Amino acid sequence: MGENGKNKTRKTGGGRKPSKPDYNPSAILQQQINAAVALYGTADHPSLRAIADELDLNPIKVRKLLITAGVYKSEIADHLQREFNKHRDSGLSHTESIEATVRELNLSKASVTSYLPYEKCVYFPDETDSNNLSVGAERIRRMRKRKKIIERVRTEQTEEALWKAVIEFQGFKFRTYSGLVFSYSLKKGRGDNYTKELFIDRRENSKSLAWSSVLLAFHNIPSIGAVVDRPKSLGDIRGVTYIYAMFYRFGLIDVPDRVKEKMEPVRKVDPE
């Protein structure tokens, strides 16, 4: 109410401001497509489930992303898309064509749409500022960067490459040999450089882990990718339980099959 008891006209666009008003959903979608295609095109040609786990998406969405990119083919996908395109060519709208395909093939709407490409995608340059990205797009960018860093650690096997991996994986939720979730953070000192001490955050208890301990375990690895039976096999080192989990995630060691499920990283559930 105004001073004279009259209602004031509400300004257009009023209300709570979005936290990231400039990000482009179509551009985010293109980023997801690029990430899925990059993984799908690797030499080992991973499954939809493996790609979904890597991107924190679900397999159905991954398939839709690959269909949109034109790299995923299957008999059911080709058949369904032919029926859908037939209705589109007859003059029906996108929505009407989906409904007609649902009736004709006696499938659910969700099944039909899962085999159709996304309608709109635009180029999304990697250098786009993070302030213009959604949380999901930022996560994918971070995942791709971490993947490159892990490849560098495994290839170079140097202390410098390992330190860069430690910096990049701050806040990542690891699981220990027994399945306990933890993450770590670093603090900056003079010159805005990180001090070489990892602060482990697990529940209400926080512990510190010296970089010298990480290096000691690093030099005790028998060979890159070798199965290390248990944390203590890396040495009687303070905090070796956490180091073991980090090295497994970095691809520096493998772990026995009996504990792999317990050490799977914490995954976020994608809403779509």
Foldseek 3Di string as FASTA:
>chain_A
DDPVPDDDDDDPPDDDDDQQVQADPQALLQLLLVQLVVQCPDPVRDDLCVSCQLLLEHSLVSQQSCVQVVNDDDPVLVVLVVQLVVVVVVPDDNVVSLVVSCVVVVHDSVVSNSSHHDDGHDHHDLPPDPSRHDPSSVSSNLSVVLVVLLVCCQVVVDPVSVVVNLQSQAPFWWAFLQQFTKGWHFDADPPRHTDQKIWIDGPPDIDIDGNVLLVQLSVQQPFFAEEDEHQCSSDPGVPSRVSVRSCCVSRRYPYDPVRPVSGRTDGDYDPD
